[in-house]
Amino acid sequence: MAGYLVAQIHIDDPAAFEAYREAVPAIIASFGGRYLIRGGKAEMKEGTWEAPRLIVLEFPSTDRAREFYNSSEYRKILPLRLAASSGTVAIVEGV
């Protein structure tokens, strides 16, 4: 069953965020992940949107999503994202 990493983020420092954005795709791919949504314009129909940028990654399983998030490769670049943005991240089980 697929696992998804879903993030809503607000980029506070676009220049600093760029180093993270360039490094993360290869790490995602190395864990079998792929982008389903990476930013893009959203048209709100109901409620409020907490952060302007939505990211949805699909992995073969929630275990692989966790392995990606907890990996030494990702932990090495995570401080770049945390310093340049704020938001939420969740791992969600697919159907």
N, C-alpha and C. Protein backbone atom coordinates (compact mmCIF):
# COMPACT_ATOMS: atom_id res chain seq x y z
N MET A 1 0.83 -1.17 0.00
CA MET A 1 0.00 0.00 0.00
C MET A 1 0.88 1.24 0.00
N ALA A 2 0.59 2.18 -0.85
CA ALA A 2 1.39 3.40 -0.97
C ALA A 2 1.34 4.21 0.32
N GLY A 3 2.39 4.95 0.54
CA GLY A 3 2.47 5.89 1.65
C GLY A 3 2.76 7.27 1.08
N TYR A 4 2.24 8.28 1.71
CA TYR A 4 2.37 9.64 1.21
C TYR A 4 2.97 10.54 2.28
N LEU A 5 3.84 11.41 1.87
CA LEU A 5 4.34 12.47 2.72
C LEU A 5 3.67 13.73 2.20
N VAL A 6 2.94 14.40 3.08
CA VAL A 6 2.19 15.60 2.71
C VAL A 6 2.73 16.76 3.53
N ALA A 7 3.09 17.83 2.86
CA ALA A 7 3.64 18.99 3.55
C ALA A 7 2.95 20.26 3.08
N GLN A 8 2.68 21.14 4.01
CA GLN A 8 2.24 22.49 3.72
C GLN A 8 3.31 23.41 4.26
N ILE A 9 3.90 24.20 3.40
CA ILE A 9 4.98 25.06 3.87
C ILE A 9 4.83 26.49 3.36
N HIS A 10 5.42 27.37 4.13
CA HIS A 10 5.54 28.78 3.75
C HIS A 10 7.04 29.05 3.66
N ILE A 11 7.48 29.47 2.49
CA ILE A 11 8.91 29.75 2.30
C ILE A 11 9.19 31.17 2.76
N ASP A 12 9.99 31.28 3.81
CA ASP A 12 10.33 32.58 4.38
C ASP A 12 11.54 33.21 3.71
N ASP A 13 12.45 32.38 3.23
CA ASP A 13 13.69 32.86 2.60
C ASP A 13 13.93 32.06 1.31
N PRO A 14 13.38 32.55 0.19
CA PRO A 14 13.49 31.79 -1.07
C PRO A 14 14.93 31.49 -1.49
N ALA A 15 15.83 32.41 -1.27
CA ALA A 15 17.22 32.19 -1.67
C ALA A 15 17.84 31.04 -0.87
N ALA A 16 17.60 31.02 0.42
CA ALA A 16 18.13 29.95 1.26
C ALA A 16 17.44 28.63 0.98
N PHE A 17 16.15 28.64 0.64
CA PHE A 17 15.38 27.44 0.35
C PHE A 17 15.88 26.74 -0.91
N GLU A 18 16.48 27.48 -1.81
CA GLU A 18 16.92 26.94 -3.10
C GLU A 18 17.89 25.77 -2.95
N ALA A 19 18.79 25.83 -2.00
CA ALA A 19 19.76 24.73 -1.80
C ALA A 19 19.02 23.45 -1.41
N TYR A 20 18.00 23.56 -0.58
CA TYR A 20 17.19 22.39 -0.20
C TYR A 20 16.44 21.86 -1.41
N ARG A 21 15.79 22.76 -2.14
CA ARG A 21 14.99 22.37 -3.29
C ARG A 21 15.81 21.63 -4.34
N GLU A 22 17.06 22.01 -4.50
CA GLU A 22 17.93 21.35 -5.47
C GLU A 22 18.41 19.99 -4.99
N ALA A 23 18.58 19.82 -3.68
CA ALA A 23 19.16 18.58 -3.15
C ALA A 23 18.12 17.48 -2.90
N VAL A 24 16.89 17.84 -2.56
CA VAL A 24 15.94 16.84 -2.08
C VAL A 24 15.40 15.87 -3.14
N PRO A 25 15.20 16.24 -4.42
CA PRO A 25 14.63 15.27 -5.36
C PRO A 25 15.41 13.96 -5.49
N ALA A 26 16.71 14.02 -5.51
CA ALA A 26 17.51 12.80 -5.64
C ALA A 26 17.37 11.90 -4.41
N ILE A 27 17.24 12.50 -3.24
CA ILE A 27 17.05 11.70 -2.03
C ILE A 27 15.68 11.05 -2.04
N ILE A 28 14.66 11.80 -2.43
CA ILE A 28 13.31 11.25 -2.54
C ILE A 28 13.32 10.04 -3.48
N ALA A 29 13.91 10.20 -4.64
CA ALA A 29 13.95 9.13 -5.64
C ALA A 29 14.69 7.90 -5.13
N SER A 30 15.74 8.11 -4.34
CA SER A 30 16.52 6.98 -3.84
C SER A 30 15.71 6.10 -2.88
N PHE A 31 14.61 6.60 -2.35
CA PHE A 31 13.73 5.83 -1.48
C PHE A 31 12.46 5.39 -2.21
N GLY A 32 12.48 5.49 -3.54
CA GLY A 32 11.34 5.07 -4.34
C GLY A 32 10.21 6.06 -4.38
N GLY A 33 10.48 7.29 -3.96
CA GLY A 33 9.44 8.32 -3.91
C GLY A 33 9.38 9.14 -5.18
N ARG A 34 8.23 9.78 -5.35
CA ARG A 34 8.06 10.69 -6.49
C ARG A 34 7.09 11.79 -6.10
N TYR A 35 7.26 12.93 -6.74
CA TYR A 35 6.36 14.06 -6.51
C TYR A 35 5.03 13.82 -7.21
N LEU A 36 3.94 14.02 -6.49
CA LEU A 36 2.62 14.09 -7.10
C LEU A 36 2.19 15.54 -7.21
N ILE A 37 2.53 16.32 -6.18
CA ILE A 37 2.27 17.76 -6.18
C ILE A 37 3.51 18.44 -5.63
N ARG A 38 3.95 19.47 -6.31
CA ARG A 38 5.13 20.23 -5.85
C ARG A 38 4.84 21.71 -6.08
N GLY A 39 4.20 22.32 -5.09
CA GLY A 39 3.83 23.71 -5.24
C GLY A 39 2.64 23.81 -6.16
N GLY A 40 2.69 24.67 -7.11
CA GLY A 40 1.59 24.82 -8.04
C GLY A 40 0.49 25.70 -7.48
N LYS A 41 -0.28 26.24 -8.37
CA LYS A 41 -1.36 27.13 -7.98
C LYS A 41 -2.53 26.31 -7.45
N ALA A 42 -3.08 26.73 -6.31
CA ALA A 42 -4.23 26.07 -5.72
C ALA A 42 -5.42 27.02 -5.76
N GLU A 43 -6.56 26.49 -6.09
CA GLU A 43 -7.80 27.26 -6.10
C GLU A 43 -8.64 26.81 -4.91
N MET A 44 -8.72 27.63 -3.91
CA MET A 44 -9.44 27.29 -2.69
C MET A 44 -10.94 27.35 -2.95
N LYS A 45 -11.64 26.30 -2.52
CA LYS A 45 -13.09 26.22 -2.66
C LYS A 45 -13.79 26.33 -1.31
N GLU A 46 -13.13 25.83 -0.25
CA GLU A 46 -13.71 25.89 1.09
C GLU A 46 -12.61 26.07 2.11
N GLY A 47 -12.91 26.69 3.21
CA GLY A 47 -11.98 26.82 4.31
C GLY A 47 -10.83 27.76 4.02
N THR A 48 -9.82 27.66 4.86
CA THR A 48 -8.62 28.48 4.72
C THR A 48 -7.41 27.59 4.51
N TRP A 49 -6.45 28.11 3.82
CA TRP A 49 -5.22 27.39 3.52
C TRP A 49 -4.14 27.98 4.40
N GLU A 50 -3.53 27.14 5.23
CA GLU A 50 -2.56 27.63 6.21
C GLU A 50 -1.22 28.03 5.60
N ALA A 51 -0.79 27.34 4.57
CA ALA A 51 0.50 27.63 3.95
C ALA A 51 0.33 27.63 2.44
N PRO A 52 1.00 28.52 1.76
CA PRO A 52 0.77 28.66 0.31
C PRO A 52 1.36 27.57 -0.57
N ARG A 53 2.20 26.70 -0.03
CA ARG A 53 2.85 25.69 -0.86
C ARG A 53 2.50 24.29 -0.35
N LEU A 54 1.96 23.45 -1.24
CA LEU A 54 1.58 22.09 -0.90
C LEU A 54 2.50 21.13 -1.65
N ILE A 55 3.01 20.14 -0.93
CA ILE A 55 3.85 19.11 -1.52
C ILE A 55 3.26 17.75 -1.14
N VAL A 56 3.07 16.89 -2.12
CA VAL A 56 2.62 15.51 -1.87
C VAL A 56 3.61 14.59 -2.56
N LEU A 57 4.23 13.73 -1.76
CA LEU A 57 5.16 12.73 -2.28
C LEU A 57 4.52 11.36 -2.12
N GLU A 58 4.69 10.51 -3.12
CA GLU A 58 4.21 9.14 -3.03
C GLU A 58 5.40 8.21 -2.90
N PHE A 59 5.32 7.28 -1.94
CA PHE A 59 6.32 6.25 -1.72
C PHE A 59 5.65 4.89 -1.84
N PRO A 60 6.42 3.84 -2.05
CA PRO A 60 5.83 2.50 -2.16
C PRO A 60 5.04 2.08 -0.90
N SER A 61 5.41 2.64 0.25
CA SER A 61 4.75 2.30 1.51
C SER A 61 5.00 3.41 2.52
N THR A 62 4.23 3.38 3.62
CA THR A 62 4.50 4.35 4.68
C THR A 62 5.86 4.07 5.32
N ASP A 63 6.26 2.80 5.36
CA ASP A 63 7.58 2.49 5.89
C ASP A 63 8.68 3.17 5.08
N ARG A 64 8.55 3.15 3.75
CA ARG A 64 9.56 3.82 2.90
C ARG A 64 9.51 5.33 3.10
N ALA A 65 8.33 5.89 3.28
CA ALA A 65 8.22 7.33 3.54
C ALA A 65 8.93 7.68 4.85
N ARG A 66 8.73 6.86 5.87
CA ARG A 66 9.42 7.08 7.15
C ARG A 66 10.94 6.92 7.00
N GLU A 67 11.34 5.88 6.26
CA GLU A 67 12.78 5.68 6.03
C GLU A 67 13.39 6.89 5.35
N PHE A 68 12.69 7.45 4.35
CA PHE A 68 13.17 8.67 3.70
C PHE A 68 13.32 9.79 4.73
N TYR A 69 12.24 10.07 5.48
CA TYR A 69 12.25 11.20 6.41
C TYR A 69 13.31 11.05 7.49
N ASN A 70 13.53 9.83 7.95
CA ASN A 70 14.50 9.59 9.02
C ASN A 70 15.91 9.27 8.53
N SER A 71 16.11 9.25 7.23
CA SER A 71 17.42 8.87 6.69
C SER A 71 18.50 9.91 6.99
N SER A 72 19.73 9.44 7.04
CA SER A 72 20.84 10.36 7.26
C SER A 72 20.98 11.34 6.10
N GLU A 73 20.65 10.88 4.90
CA GLU A 73 20.74 11.77 3.72
C GLU A 73 19.77 12.94 3.85
N TYR A 74 18.53 12.63 4.25
CA TYR A 74 17.54 13.71 4.40
C TYR A 74 17.84 14.57 5.62
N ARG A 75 18.23 13.94 6.71
CA ARG A 75 18.54 14.69 7.93
C ARG A 75 19.68 15.69 7.71
N LYS A 76 20.54 15.37 6.75
CA LYS A 76 21.65 16.27 6.44
C LYS A 76 21.16 17.58 5.82
N ILE A 77 20.09 17.52 4.99
CA ILE A 77 19.60 18.74 4.33
C ILE A 77 18.38 19.35 5.02
N LEU A 78 17.75 18.63 5.94
CA LEU A 78 16.57 19.14 6.63
C LEU A 78 16.80 20.50 7.28
N PRO A 79 17.95 20.76 7.91
CA PRO A 79 18.16 22.09 8.49
C PRO A 79 18.04 23.23 7.47
N LEU A 80 18.35 22.95 6.21
CA LEU A 80 18.19 23.98 5.17
C LEU A 80 16.72 24.38 5.04
N ARG A 81 15.83 23.38 5.02
CA ARG A 81 14.40 23.68 4.91
C ARG A 81 13.89 24.36 6.16
N LEU A 82 14.27 23.85 7.32
CA LEU A 82 13.78 24.41 8.57
C LEU A 82 14.22 25.86 8.76
N ALA A 83 15.41 26.21 8.28
CA ALA A 83 15.90 27.57 8.41
C ALA A 83 15.22 28.53 7.44
N ALA A 84 14.72 27.99 6.32
CA ALA A 84 14.18 28.85 5.26
C ALA A 84 12.66 28.82 5.15
N SER A 85 11.99 27.95 5.93
CA SER A 85 10.55 27.82 5.79
C SER A 85 9.91 27.37 7.09
N SER A 86 8.58 27.43 7.12
CA SER A 86 7.81 26.92 8.25
C SER A 86 6.62 26.17 7.70
N GLY A 87 6.06 25.26 8.48
CA GLY A 87 4.90 24.54 8.01
C GLY A 87 4.68 23.24 8.73
N THR A 88 3.96 22.32 8.07
CA THR A 88 3.62 21.03 8.64
C THR A 88 3.99 19.92 7.69
N VAL A 89 4.30 18.74 8.24
CA VAL A 89 4.62 17.56 7.45
C VAL A 89 3.93 16.37 8.11
N ALA A 90 3.30 15.53 7.30
CA ALA A 90 2.65 14.32 7.80
C ALA A 90 2.93 13.16 6.85
N ILE A 91 2.99 11.97 7.41
CA ILE A 91 3.05 10.75 6.61
C ILE A 91 1.67 10.11 6.71
N VAL A 92 1.09 9.80 5.54
CA VAL A 92 -0.29 9.32 5.48
C VAL A 92 -0.33 8.00 4.74
N GLU A 93 -1.08 7.06 5.30
CA GLU A 93 -1.26 5.76 4.66
C GLU A 93 -2.25 5.87 3.51
N GLY A 94 -1.92 5.28 2.39
CA GLY A 94 -2.81 5.29 1.22
C GLY A 94 -3.88 4.21 1.31
N VAL A 95 -4.71 4.16 0.30
CA VAL A 95 -5.77 3.13 0.25
C VAL A 95 -5.45 2.10 -0.81
